[in-house]
mmCIF file of all heavy atoms, coordinates in Angstrom:
data_MODEL
# 
_entry.id   MODEL 
# 
loop_
_atom_site.group_PDB 
_atom_site.id 
_atom_site.type_symbol 
_atom_site.label_atom_id 
_atom_site.label_alt_id 
_atom_site.label_comp_id 
_atom_site.label_asym_id 
_atom_site.label_entity_id 
_atom_site.label_seq_id 
_atom_site.pdbx_PDB_ins_code 
_atom_site.Cartn_x 
_atom_site.Cartn_y 
_atom_site.Cartn_z 
_atom_site.occupancy 
_atom_site.B_iso_or_equiv 
_atom_site.pdbx_formal_charge 
_atom_site.auth_seq_id 
_atom_site.auth_comp_id 
_atom_site.auth_asym_id 
_atom_site.auth_atom_id 
_atom_site.pdbx_PDB_model_num 
ATOM 1   N N   . THR A 1 1  ? 95.333  11.696  -43.333 1.00 0.00 ? 1  THR A N   1 
ATOM 2   C CA  . THR A 1 1  ? 96.202  10.762  -44.041 1.00 0.00 ? 1  THR A CA  1 
ATOM 3   C C   . THR A 1 1  ? 96.066  9.411   -43.431 1.00 0.00 ? 1  THR A C   1 
ATOM 4   O O   . THR A 1 1  ? 95.900  8.343   -44.136 1.00 0.00 ? 1  THR A O   1 
ATOM 5   C CB  . THR A 1 1  ? 97.692  11.065  -43.971 1.00 0.00 ? 1  THR A CB  1 
ATOM 6   O OG1 . THR A 1 1  ? 97.823  12.430  -44.560 1.00 0.00 ? 1  THR A OG1 1 
ATOM 7   C CG2 . THR A 1 1  ? 98.568  10.184  -44.737 1.00 0.00 ? 1  THR A CG2 1 
ATOM 8   N N   . ALA A 1 2  ? 95.957  9.367   -42.087 1.00 0.00 ? 2  ALA A N   1 
ATOM 9   C CA  . ALA A 1 2  ? 95.797  8.074   -41.450 1.00 0.00 ? 2  ALA A CA  1 
ATOM 10  C C   . ALA A 1 2  ? 94.446  7.438   -41.712 1.00 0.00 ? 2  ALA A C   1 
ATOM 11  O O   . ALA A 1 2  ? 94.398  6.249   -41.922 1.00 0.00 ? 2  ALA A O   1 
ATOM 12  C CB  . ALA A 1 2  ? 95.939  8.269   -39.882 1.00 0.00 ? 2  ALA A CB  1 
ATOM 13  N N   . ALA A 1 3  ? 93.318  8.318   -41.692 1.00 0.00 ? 3  ALA A N   1 
ATOM 14  C CA  . ALA A 1 3  ? 92.097  7.803   -42.017 1.00 0.00 ? 3  ALA A CA  1 
ATOM 15  C C   . ALA A 1 3  ? 91.962  7.216   -43.442 1.00 0.00 ? 3  ALA A C   1 
ATOM 16  O O   . ALA A 1 3  ? 91.208  6.111   -43.570 1.00 0.00 ? 3  ALA A O   1 
ATOM 17  C CB  . ALA A 1 3  ? 91.026  9.014   -41.764 1.00 0.00 ? 3  ALA A CB  1 
ATOM 18  N N   . ARG A 1 4  ? 92.686  7.761   -44.304 1.00 0.00 ? 4  ARG A N   1 
ATOM 19  C CA  . ARG A 1 4  ? 92.471  7.369   -45.647 1.00 0.00 ? 4  ARG A CA  1 
ATOM 20  C C   . ARG A 1 4  ? 92.975  5.977   -45.803 1.00 0.00 ? 4  ARG A C   1 
ATOM 21  O O   . ARG A 1 4  ? 92.726  5.182   -46.744 1.00 0.00 ? 4  ARG A O   1 
ATOM 22  C CB  . ARG A 1 4  ? 93.264  8.215   -46.627 1.00 0.00 ? 4  ARG A CB  1 
ATOM 23  C CG  . ARG A 1 4  ? 92.493  9.485   -46.945 1.00 0.00 ? 4  ARG A CG  1 
ATOM 24  C CD  . ARG A 1 4  ? 93.132  10.242  -48.116 1.00 0.00 ? 4  ARG A CD  1 
ATOM 25  N NE  . ARG A 1 4  ? 94.395  10.857  -47.891 1.00 0.00 ? 4  ARG A NE  1 
ATOM 26  C CZ  . ARG A 1 4  ? 94.778  12.053  -47.346 1.00 0.00 ? 4  ARG A CZ  1 
ATOM 27  N NH1 . ARG A 1 4  ? 93.688  12.827  -47.062 1.00 0.00 ? 4  ARG A NH1 1 
ATOM 28  N NH2 . ARG A 1 4  ? 95.841  12.516  -47.280 1.00 0.00 ? 4  ARG A NH2 1 
ATOM 29  N N   . LYS A 1 5  ? 94.063  5.580   -44.958 1.00 0.00 ? 5  LYS A N   1 
ATOM 30  C CA  . LYS A 1 5  ? 94.691  4.325   -44.937 1.00 0.00 ? 5  LYS A CA  1 
ATOM 31  C C   . LYS A 1 5  ? 93.736  3.201   -44.526 1.00 0.00 ? 5  LYS A C   1 
ATOM 32  O O   . LYS A 1 5  ? 93.932  1.970   -44.877 1.00 0.00 ? 5  LYS A O   1 
ATOM 33  C CB  . LYS A 1 5  ? 95.949  4.294   -44.240 1.00 0.00 ? 5  LYS A CB  1 
ATOM 34  C CG  . LYS A 1 5  ? 97.087  5.184   -44.883 1.00 0.00 ? 5  LYS A CG  1 
ATOM 35  C CD  . LYS A 1 5  ? 98.263  5.166   -44.104 1.00 0.00 ? 5  LYS A CD  1 
ATOM 36  C CE  . LYS A 1 5  ? 99.327  6.009   -44.842 1.00 0.00 ? 5  LYS A CE  1 
ATOM 37  N NZ  . LYS A 1 5  ? 100.596 6.065   -43.935 1.00 0.00 ? 5  LYS A NZ  1 
ATOM 38  N N   . PHE A 1 6  ? 92.892  3.485   -43.578 1.00 0.00 ? 6  PHE A N   1 
ATOM 39  C CA  . PHE A 1 6  ? 92.091  2.379   -42.989 1.00 0.00 ? 6  PHE A CA  1 
ATOM 40  C C   . PHE A 1 6  ? 90.620  2.255   -43.440 1.00 0.00 ? 6  PHE A C   1 
ATOM 41  O O   . PHE A 1 6  ? 89.992  1.356   -43.374 1.00 0.00 ? 6  PHE A O   1 
ATOM 42  C CB  . PHE A 1 6  ? 92.084  2.451   -41.490 1.00 0.00 ? 6  PHE A CB  1 
ATOM 43  C CG  . PHE A 1 6  ? 90.939  3.408   -40.817 1.00 0.00 ? 6  PHE A CG  1 
ATOM 44  C CD1 . PHE A 1 6  ? 89.750  3.081   -40.683 1.00 0.00 ? 6  PHE A CD1 1 
ATOM 45  C CD2 . PHE A 1 6  ? 91.365  4.741   -40.573 1.00 0.00 ? 6  PHE A CD2 1 
ATOM 46  C CE1 . PHE A 1 6  ? 88.800  3.931   -40.140 1.00 0.00 ? 6  PHE A CE1 1 
ATOM 47  C CE2 . PHE A 1 6  ? 90.484  5.641   -40.024 1.00 0.00 ? 6  PHE A CE2 1 
ATOM 48  C CZ  . PHE A 1 6  ? 89.146  5.269   -39.837 1.00 0.00 ? 6  PHE A CZ  1 
ATOM 49  N N   . LEU A 1 7  ? 90.110  3.352   -44.261 1.00 0.00 ? 7  LEU A N   1 
ATOM 50  C CA  . LEU A 1 7  ? 88.710  3.344   -44.749 1.00 0.00 ? 7  LEU A CA  1 
ATOM 51  C C   . LEU A 1 7  ? 88.532  2.234   -45.730 1.00 0.00 ? 7  LEU A C   1 
ATOM 52  O O   . LEU A 1 7  ? 89.197  2.291   -46.845 1.00 0.00 ? 7  LEU A O   1 
ATOM 53  C CB  . LEU A 1 7  ? 88.390  4.769   -45.225 1.00 0.00 ? 7  LEU A CB  1 
ATOM 54  C CG  . LEU A 1 7  ? 88.286  5.793   -44.264 1.00 0.00 ? 7  LEU A CG  1 
ATOM 55  C CD1 . LEU A 1 7  ? 88.107  7.283   -44.878 1.00 0.00 ? 7  LEU A CD1 1 
ATOM 56  C CD2 . LEU A 1 7  ? 87.202  5.554   -43.213 1.00 0.00 ? 7  LEU A CD2 1 
ATOM 57  N N   . ARG A 1 8  ? 87.691  1.356   -45.461 1.00 0.00 ? 8  ARG A N   1 
ATOM 58  C CA  . ARG A 1 8  ? 87.508  0.235   -46.358 1.00 0.00 ? 8  ARG A CA  1 
ATOM 59  C C   . ARG A 1 8  ? 85.915  -0.046  -46.585 1.00 0.00 ? 8  ARG A C   1 
ATOM 60  O O   . ARG A 1 8  ? 85.593  -0.591  -47.570 1.00 0.00 ? 8  ARG A O   1 
ATOM 61  C CB  . ARG A 1 8  ? 88.140  -1.021  -45.850 1.00 0.00 ? 8  ARG A CB  1 
ATOM 62  C CG  . ARG A 1 8  ? 89.630  -0.942  -46.020 1.00 0.00 ? 8  ARG A CG  1 
ATOM 63  C CD  . ARG A 1 8  ? 89.938  -1.068  -47.399 1.00 0.00 ? 8  ARG A CD  1 
ATOM 64  N NE  . ARG A 1 8  ? 91.580  -1.115  -47.600 1.00 0.00 ? 8  ARG A NE  1 
ATOM 65  C CZ  . ARG A 1 8  ? 92.345  -0.127  -47.594 1.00 0.00 ? 8  ARG A CZ  1 
ATOM 66  N NH1 . ARG A 1 8  ? 91.753  1.253   -47.432 1.00 0.00 ? 8  ARG A NH1 1 
ATOM 67  N NH2 . ARG A 1 8  ? 93.672  -0.161  -47.701 1.00 0.00 ? 8  ARG A NH2 1 
ATOM 68  N N   . THR A 1 9  ? 85.059  0.315   -45.711 1.00 0.00 ? 9  THR A N   1 
ATOM 69  C CA  . THR A 1 9  ? 83.722  -0.135  -45.734 1.00 0.00 ? 9  THR A CA  1 
ATOM 70  C C   . THR A 1 9  ? 82.790  1.129   -45.348 1.00 0.00 ? 9  THR A C   1 
ATOM 71  O O   . THR A 1 9  ? 83.253  1.970   -44.531 1.00 0.00 ? 9  THR A O   1 
ATOM 72  C CB  . THR A 1 9  ? 83.463  -1.093  -44.799 1.00 0.00 ? 9  THR A CB  1 
ATOM 73  O OG1 . THR A 1 9  ? 83.741  -0.844  -43.522 1.00 0.00 ? 9  THR A OG1 1 
ATOM 74  C CG2 . THR A 1 9  ? 84.051  -2.522  -45.261 1.00 0.00 ? 9  THR A CG2 1 
ATOM 75  N N   . ALA A 1 10 ? 81.740  1.131   -45.896 1.00 0.00 ? 10 ALA A N   1 
ATOM 76  C CA  . ALA A 1 10 ? 80.692  2.237   -45.673 1.00 0.00 ? 10 ALA A CA  1 
ATOM 77  C C   . ALA A 1 10 ? 79.346  1.654   -45.603 1.00 0.00 ? 10 ALA A C   1 
ATOM 78  O O   . ALA A 1 10 ? 78.932  0.639   -46.267 1.00 0.00 ? 10 ALA A O   1 
ATOM 79  C CB  . ALA A 1 10 ? 80.824  3.349   -46.769 1.00 0.00 ? 10 ALA A CB  1 
ATOM 80  N N   . ILE A 1 11 ? 78.389  2.365   -45.101 1.00 0.00 ? 11 ILE A N   1 
ATOM 81  C CA  . ILE A 1 11 ? 77.061  1.948   -44.998 1.00 0.00 ? 11 ILE A CA  1 
ATOM 82  C C   . ILE A 1 11 ? 76.153  3.200   -45.114 1.00 0.00 ? 11 ILE A C   1 
ATOM 83  O O   . ILE A 1 11 ? 76.447  4.200   -44.449 1.00 0.00 ? 11 ILE A O   1 
ATOM 84  C CB  . ILE A 1 11 ? 76.664  1.069   -43.767 1.00 0.00 ? 11 ILE A CB  1 
ATOM 85  C CG1 . ILE A 1 11 ? 75.172  0.662   -43.788 1.00 0.00 ? 11 ILE A CG1 1 
ATOM 86  C CG2 . ILE A 1 11 ? 76.908  2.002   -42.338 1.00 0.00 ? 11 ILE A CG2 1 
ATOM 87  C CD1 . ILE A 1 11 ? 74.653  -0.296  -42.764 1.00 0.00 ? 11 ILE A CD1 1 
ATOM 88  N N   . VAL A 1 12 ? 75.061  3.085   -45.912 1.00 0.00 ? 12 VAL A N   1 
ATOM 89  C CA  . VAL A 1 12 ? 74.104  4.188   -46.126 1.00 0.00 ? 12 VAL A CA  1 
ATOM 90  C C   . VAL A 1 12 ? 72.780  3.796   -45.418 1.00 0.00 ? 12 VAL A C   1 
ATOM 91  O O   . VAL A 1 12 ? 72.255  2.729   -45.625 1.00 0.00 ? 12 VAL A O   1 
ATOM 92  C CB  . VAL A 1 12 ? 73.932  4.513   -47.511 1.00 0.00 ? 12 VAL A CB  1 
ATOM 93  C CG1 . VAL A 1 12 ? 72.948  5.743   -47.701 1.00 0.00 ? 12 VAL A CG1 1 
ATOM 94  C CG2 . VAL A 1 12 ? 75.244  4.694   -48.274 1.00 0.00 ? 12 VAL A CG2 1 
ATOM 95  N N   . ILE A 1 13 ? 72.395  4.753   -44.570 1.00 0.00 ? 13 ILE A N   1 
ATOM 96  C CA  . ILE A 1 13 ? 71.113  4.401   -43.783 1.00 0.00 ? 13 ILE A CA  1 
ATOM 97  C C   . ILE A 1 13 ? 70.145  5.492   -44.206 1.00 0.00 ? 13 ILE A C   1 
ATOM 98  O O   . ILE A 1 13 ? 70.281  6.687   -43.768 1.00 0.00 ? 13 ILE A O   1 
ATOM 99  C CB  . ILE A 1 13 ? 71.421  4.406   -42.329 1.00 0.00 ? 13 ILE A CB  1 
ATOM 100 C CG1 . ILE A 1 13 ? 72.355  3.334   -41.955 1.00 0.00 ? 13 ILE A CG1 1 
ATOM 101 C CG2 . ILE A 1 13 ? 70.006  4.064   -41.555 1.00 0.00 ? 13 ILE A CG2 1 
ATOM 102 C CD1 . ILE A 1 13 ? 72.794  3.461   -40.515 1.00 0.00 ? 13 ILE A CD1 1 
ATOM 103 N N   . ASP A 1 14 ? 69.131  5.228   -44.948 1.00 0.00 ? 14 ASP A N   1 
ATOM 104 C CA  . ASP A 1 14 ? 68.292  6.194   -45.441 1.00 0.00 ? 14 ASP A CA  1 
ATOM 105 C C   . ASP A 1 14 ? 66.938  5.647   -46.081 1.00 0.00 ? 14 ASP A C   1 
ATOM 106 O O   . ASP A 1 14 ? 67.025  4.588   -46.640 1.00 0.00 ? 14 ASP A O   1 
ATOM 107 C CB  . ASP A 1 14 ? 68.835  6.948   -46.681 1.00 0.00 ? 14 ASP A CB  1 
ATOM 108 C CG  . ASP A 1 14 ? 68.190  8.290   -46.978 1.00 0.00 ? 14 ASP A CG  1 
ATOM 109 O OD1 . ASP A 1 14 ? 67.039  8.275   -47.069 1.00 0.00 ? 14 ASP A OD1 1 
ATOM 110 O OD2 . ASP A 1 14 ? 68.793  9.381   -47.093 1.00 0.00 ? 14 ASP A OD2 1 
ATOM 111 N N   . ASP A 1 15 ? 65.796  6.068   -45.607 1.00 0.00 ? 15 ASP A N   1 
ATOM 112 C CA  . ASP A 1 15 ? 64.465  5.618   -46.083 1.00 0.00 ? 15 ASP A CA  1 
ATOM 113 C C   . ASP A 1 15 ? 64.186  5.921   -47.450 1.00 0.00 ? 15 ASP A C   1 
ATOM 114 O O   . ASP A 1 15 ? 63.173  5.429   -48.095 1.00 0.00 ? 15 ASP A O   1 
ATOM 115 C CB  . ASP A 1 15 ? 63.268  5.878   -45.146 1.00 0.00 ? 15 ASP A CB  1 
ATOM 116 C CG  . ASP A 1 15 ? 63.162  7.547   -45.047 1.00 0.00 ? 15 ASP A CG  1 
ATOM 117 O OD1 . ASP A 1 15 ? 64.109  8.180   -45.102 1.00 0.00 ? 15 ASP A OD1 1 
ATOM 118 O OD2 . ASP A 1 15 ? 61.994  7.795   -44.899 1.00 0.00 ? 15 ASP A OD2 1 
ATOM 119 N N   . ASP A 1 16 ? 64.814  6.824   -48.069 1.00 0.00 ? 16 ASP A N   1 
ATOM 120 C CA  . ASP A 1 16 ? 64.668  7.331   -49.421 1.00 0.00 ? 16 ASP A CA  1 
ATOM 121 C C   . ASP A 1 16 ? 65.711  6.840   -50.383 1.00 0.00 ? 16 ASP A C   1 
ATOM 122 O O   . ASP A 1 16 ? 65.813  7.459   -51.557 1.00 0.00 ? 16 ASP A O   1 
ATOM 123 C CB  . ASP A 1 16 ? 64.681  8.912   -49.507 1.00 0.00 ? 16 ASP A CB  1 
ATOM 124 C CG  . ASP A 1 16 ? 63.459  9.455   -48.825 1.00 0.00 ? 16 ASP A CG  1 
ATOM 125 O OD1 . ASP A 1 16 ? 62.316  8.836   -49.045 1.00 0.00 ? 16 ASP A OD1 1 
ATOM 126 O OD2 . ASP A 1 16 ? 63.603  10.333  -48.039 1.00 0.00 ? 16 ASP A OD2 1 
ATOM 127 N N   . ILE A 1 17 ? 66.334  5.742   -50.029 1.00 0.00 ? 17 ILE A N   1 
ATOM 128 C CA  . ILE A 1 17 ? 67.365  5.020   -51.031 1.00 0.00 ? 17 ILE A CA  1 
ATOM 129 C C   . ILE A 1 17 ? 66.554  4.637   -52.261 1.00 0.00 ? 17 ILE A C   1 
ATOM 130 O O   . ILE A 1 17 ? 65.466  4.003   -52.163 1.00 0.00 ? 17 ILE A O   1 
ATOM 131 C CB  . ILE A 1 17 ? 68.100  4.072   -50.406 1.00 0.00 ? 17 ILE A CB  1 
ATOM 132 C CG1 . ILE A 1 17 ? 69.134  4.459   -49.300 1.00 0.00 ? 17 ILE A CG1 1 
ATOM 133 C CG2 . ILE A 1 17 ? 68.801  3.249   -51.444 1.00 0.00 ? 17 ILE A CG2 1 
ATOM 134 C CD1 . ILE A 1 17 ? 69.683  3.510   -48.497 1.00 0.00 ? 17 ILE A CD1 1 
ATOM 135 N N   . SER A 1 18 ? 67.099  4.920   -53.504 1.00 0.00 ? 18 SER A N   1 
ATOM 136 C CA  . SER A 1 18 ? 66.375  4.475   -54.711 1.00 0.00 ? 18 SER A CA  1 
ATOM 137 C C   . SER A 1 18 ? 67.315  3.749   -55.607 1.00 0.00 ? 18 SER A C   1 
ATOM 138 O O   . SER A 1 18 ? 68.532  4.287   -55.592 1.00 0.00 ? 18 SER A O   1 
ATOM 139 C CB  . SER A 1 18 ? 65.653  5.701   -55.435 1.00 0.00 ? 18 SER A CB  1 
ATOM 140 O OG  . SER A 1 18 ? 66.587  6.613   -55.731 1.00 0.00 ? 18 SER A OG  1 
ATOM 141 N N   . ALA A 1 19 ? 66.894  2.894   -56.326 1.00 0.00 ? 19 ALA A N   1 
ATOM 142 C CA  . ALA A 1 19 ? 67.592  2.139   -57.453 1.00 0.00 ? 19 ALA A CA  1 
ATOM 143 C C   . ALA A 1 19 ? 66.978  2.518   -58.762 1.00 0.00 ? 19 ALA A C   1 
ATOM 144 O O   . ALA A 1 19 ? 65.763  2.248   -58.961 1.00 0.00 ? 19 ALA A O   1 
ATOM 145 C CB  . ALA A 1 19 ? 67.723  0.696   -57.123 1.00 0.00 ? 19 ALA A CB  1 
ATOM 146 N N   . PRO A 1 20 ? 67.689  3.011   -59.835 1.00 0.00 ? 20 PRO A N   1 
ATOM 147 C CA  . PRO A 1 20 ? 67.049  3.444   -61.008 1.00 0.00 ? 20 PRO A CA  1 
ATOM 148 C C   . PRO A 1 20 ? 66.685  2.286   -61.807 1.00 0.00 ? 20 PRO A C   1 
ATOM 149 O O   . PRO A 1 20 ? 67.271  1.190   -61.913 1.00 0.00 ? 20 PRO A O   1 
ATOM 150 C CB  . PRO A 1 20 ? 68.259  4.084   -61.825 1.00 0.00 ? 20 PRO A CB  1 
ATOM 151 C CG  . PRO A 1 20 ? 69.442  3.517   -61.186 1.00 0.00 ? 20 PRO A CG  1 
ATOM 152 C CD  . PRO A 1 20 ? 69.265  3.285   -59.747 1.00 0.00 ? 20 PRO A CD  1 
ATOM 153 N N   . ALA A 1 21 ? 65.349  2.394   -62.209 1.00 0.00 ? 21 ALA A N   1 
ATOM 154 C CA  . ALA A 1 21 ? 64.800  1.271   -63.088 1.00 0.00 ? 21 ALA A CA  1 
ATOM 155 C C   . ALA A 1 21 ? 65.362  1.511   -64.627 1.00 0.00 ? 21 ALA A C   1 
ATOM 156 O O   . ALA A 1 21 ? 65.573  2.597   -65.013 1.00 0.00 ? 21 ALA A O   1 
ATOM 157 C CB  . ALA A 1 21 ? 63.180  1.373   -63.077 1.00 0.00 ? 21 ALA A CB  1 
ATOM 158 N N   . GLU A 1 22 ? 65.646  0.409   -65.253 1.00 0.00 ? 22 GLU A N   1 
ATOM 159 C CA  . GLU A 1 22 ? 66.050  0.507   -66.513 1.00 0.00 ? 22 GLU A CA  1 
ATOM 160 C C   . GLU A 1 22 ? 65.012  0.155   -67.460 1.00 0.00 ? 22 GLU A C   1 
ATOM 161 O O   . GLU A 1 22 ? 64.111  -0.695  -67.349 1.00 0.00 ? 22 GLU A O   1 
ATOM 162 C CB  . GLU A 1 22 ? 67.191  -0.399  -66.723 1.00 0.00 ? 22 GLU A CB  1 
ATOM 163 C CG  . GLU A 1 22 ? 68.440  -0.018  -65.768 1.00 0.00 ? 22 GLU A CG  1 
ATOM 164 C CD  . GLU A 1 22 ? 69.615  -0.856  -66.074 1.00 0.00 ? 22 GLU A CD  1 
ATOM 165 O OE1 . GLU A 1 22 ? 69.507  -1.759  -66.968 1.00 0.00 ? 22 GLU A OE1 1 
ATOM 166 O OE2 . GLU A 1 22 ? 70.781  -0.709  -65.298 1.00 0.00 ? 22 GLU A OE2 1 
ATOM 167 N N   . ALA A 1 23 ? 64.818  0.808   -68.684 1.00 0.00 ? 23 ALA A N   1 
ATOM 168 C CA  . ALA A 1 23 ? 63.886  0.484   -69.723 1.00 0.00 ? 23 ALA A CA  1 
ATOM 169 C C   . ALA A 1 23 ? 64.195  -0.778  -70.231 1.00 0.00 ? 23 ALA A C   1 
ATOM 170 O O   . ALA A 1 23 ? 65.340  -1.367  -70.388 1.00 0.00 ? 23 ALA A O   1 
ATOM 171 C CB  . ALA A 1 23 ? 64.026  1.484   -70.838 1.00 0.00 ? 23 ALA A CB  1 
ATOM 172 N N   . ASN A 1 24 ? 63.160  -1.668  -70.437 1.00 0.00 ? 24 ASN A N   1 
ATOM 173 C CA  . ASN A 1 24 ? 63.167  -2.992  -71.028 1.00 0.00 ? 24 ASN A CA  1 
ATOM 174 C C   . ASN A 1 24 ? 63.381  -2.821  -72.478 1.00 0.00 ? 24 ASN A C   1 
ATOM 175 O O   . ASN A 1 24 ? 62.300  -2.790  -73.126 1.00 0.00 ? 24 ASN A O   1 
ATOM 176 C CB  . ASN A 1 24 ? 61.970  -3.812  -70.594 1.00 0.00 ? 24 ASN A CB  1 
ATOM 177 C CG  . ASN A 1 24 ? 62.231  -5.185  -70.923 1.00 0.00 ? 24 ASN A CG  1 
ATOM 178 O OD1 . ASN A 1 24 ? 63.175  -5.764  -71.448 1.00 0.00 ? 24 ASN A OD1 1 
ATOM 179 N ND2 . ASN A 1 24 ? 61.299  -6.071  -70.546 1.00 0.00 ? 24 ASN A ND2 1 
ATOM 180 N N   . ASP A 1 25 ? 64.509  -3.099  -73.034 1.00 0.00 ? 25 ASP A N   1 
ATOM 181 C CA  . ASP A 1 25 ? 64.815  -3.137  -74.379 1.00 0.00 ? 25 ASP A CA  1 
ATOM 182 C C   . ASP A 1 25 ? 64.651  -4.506  -75.073 1.00 0.00 ? 25 ASP A C   1 
ATOM 183 O O   . ASP A 1 25 ? 64.939  -4.634  -76.326 1.00 0.00 ? 25 ASP A O   1 
ATOM 184 C CB  . ASP A 1 25 ? 66.144  -2.569  -74.712 1.00 0.00 ? 25 ASP A CB  1 
ATOM 185 C CG  . ASP A 1 25 ? 66.332  -1.078  -74.315 1.00 0.00 ? 25 ASP A CG  1 
ATOM 186 O OD1 . ASP A 1 25 ? 65.356  -0.339  -74.299 1.00 0.00 ? 25 ASP A OD1 1 
ATOM 187 O OD2 . ASP A 1 25 ? 67.366  -0.806  -73.906 1.00 0.00 ? 25 ASP A OD2 1 
ATOM 188 N N   . ALA A 1 26 ? 64.238  -5.543  -74.363 1.00 0.00 ? 26 ALA A N   1 
ATOM 189 C CA  . ALA A 1 26 ? 64.096  -6.854  -74.908 1.00 0.00 ? 26 ALA A CA  1 
ATOM 190 C C   . ALA A 1 26 ? 62.958  -6.967  -75.982 1.00 0.00 ? 26 ALA A C   1 
ATOM 191 O O   . ALA A 1 26 ? 61.947  -6.306  -75.803 1.00 0.00 ? 26 ALA A O   1 
ATOM 192 C CB  . ALA A 1 26 ? 63.911  -7.878  -73.793 1.00 0.00 ? 26 ALA A CB  1 
ATOM 193 N N   . LYS A 1 27 ? 63.220  -7.776  -76.798 1.00 0.00 ? 27 LYS A N   1 
ATOM 194 C CA  . LYS A 1 27 ? 62.283  -7.877  -77.959 1.00 0.00 ? 27 LYS A CA  1 
ATOM 195 C C   . LYS A 1 27 ? 60.999  -8.468  -77.427 1.00 0.00 ? 27 LYS A C   1 
ATOM 196 O O   . LYS A 1 27 ? 61.027  -9.524  -76.752 1.00 0.00 ? 27 LYS A O   1 
ATOM 197 C CB  . LYS A 1 27 ? 62.791  -8.724  -79.136 1.00 0.00 ? 27 LYS A CB  1 
ATOM 198 C CG  . LYS A 1 27 ? 61.834  -8.829  -80.324 1.00 0.00 ? 27 LYS A CG  1 
ATOM 199 C CD  . LYS A 1 27 ? 62.569  -9.653  -81.343 1.00 0.00 ? 27 LYS A CD  1 
ATOM 200 C CE  . LYS A 1 27 ? 61.538  -9.817  -82.554 1.00 0.00 ? 27 LYS A CE  1 
ATOM 201 N NZ  . LYS A 1 27 ? 62.135  -10.655 -83.704 1.00 0.00 ? 27 LYS A NZ  1 
ATOM 202 N N   . VAL A 1 28 ? 59.865  -8.036  -77.703 1.00 0.00 ? 28 VAL A N   1 
ATOM 203 C CA  . VAL A 1 28 ? 58.550  -8.533  -77.334 1.00 0.00 ? 28 VAL A CA  1 
ATOM 204 C C   . VAL A 1 28 ? 58.202  -9.837  -78.174 1.00 0.00 ? 28 VAL A C   1 
ATOM 205 O O   . VAL A 1 28 ? 58.057  -9.652  -79.349 1.00 0.00 ? 28 VAL A O   1 
ATOM 206 C CB  . VAL A 1 28 ? 57.443  -7.579  -77.276 1.00 0.00 ? 28 VAL A CB  1 
ATOM 207 C CG1 . VAL A 1 28 ? 56.075  -8.126  -76.844 1.00 0.00 ? 28 VAL A CG1 1 
ATOM 208 C CG2 . VAL A 1 28 ? 57.812  -6.246  -76.473 1.00 0.00 ? 28 VAL A CG2 1 
ATOM 209 N N   . LEU A 1 29 ? 57.957  -10.932 -77.428 1.00 0.00 ? 29 LEU A N   1 
ATOM 210 C CA  . LEU A 1 29 ? 57.617  -12.056 -78.190 1.00 0.00 ? 29 LEU A CA  1 
ATOM 211 C C   . LEU A 1 29 ? 56.088  -12.226 -78.337 1.00 0.00 ? 29 LEU A C   1 
ATOM 212 O O   . LEU A 1 29 ? 55.377  -12.015 -77.493 1.00 0.00 ? 29 LEU A O   1 
ATOM 213 C CB  . LEU A 1 29 ? 58.127  -13.349 -77.451 1.00 0.00 ? 29 LEU A CB  1 
ATOM 214 C CG  . LEU A 1 29 ? 59.644  -13.456 -77.225 1.00 0.00 ? 29 LEU A CG  1 
ATOM 215 C CD1 . LEU A 1 29 ? 60.118  -14.659 -76.483 1.00 0.00 ? 29 LEU A CD1 1 
ATOM 216 C CD2 . LEU A 1 29 ? 60.354  -13.285 -78.632 1.00 0.00 ? 29 LEU A CD2 1 
# 
């Protein structure tokens, strides 16, 4: 209960972190 009150920040350390790419739906000119 005490821990839940002070937890505000986190950091992830990993060499396999990935961000999903999104399909480009923009109209081709």
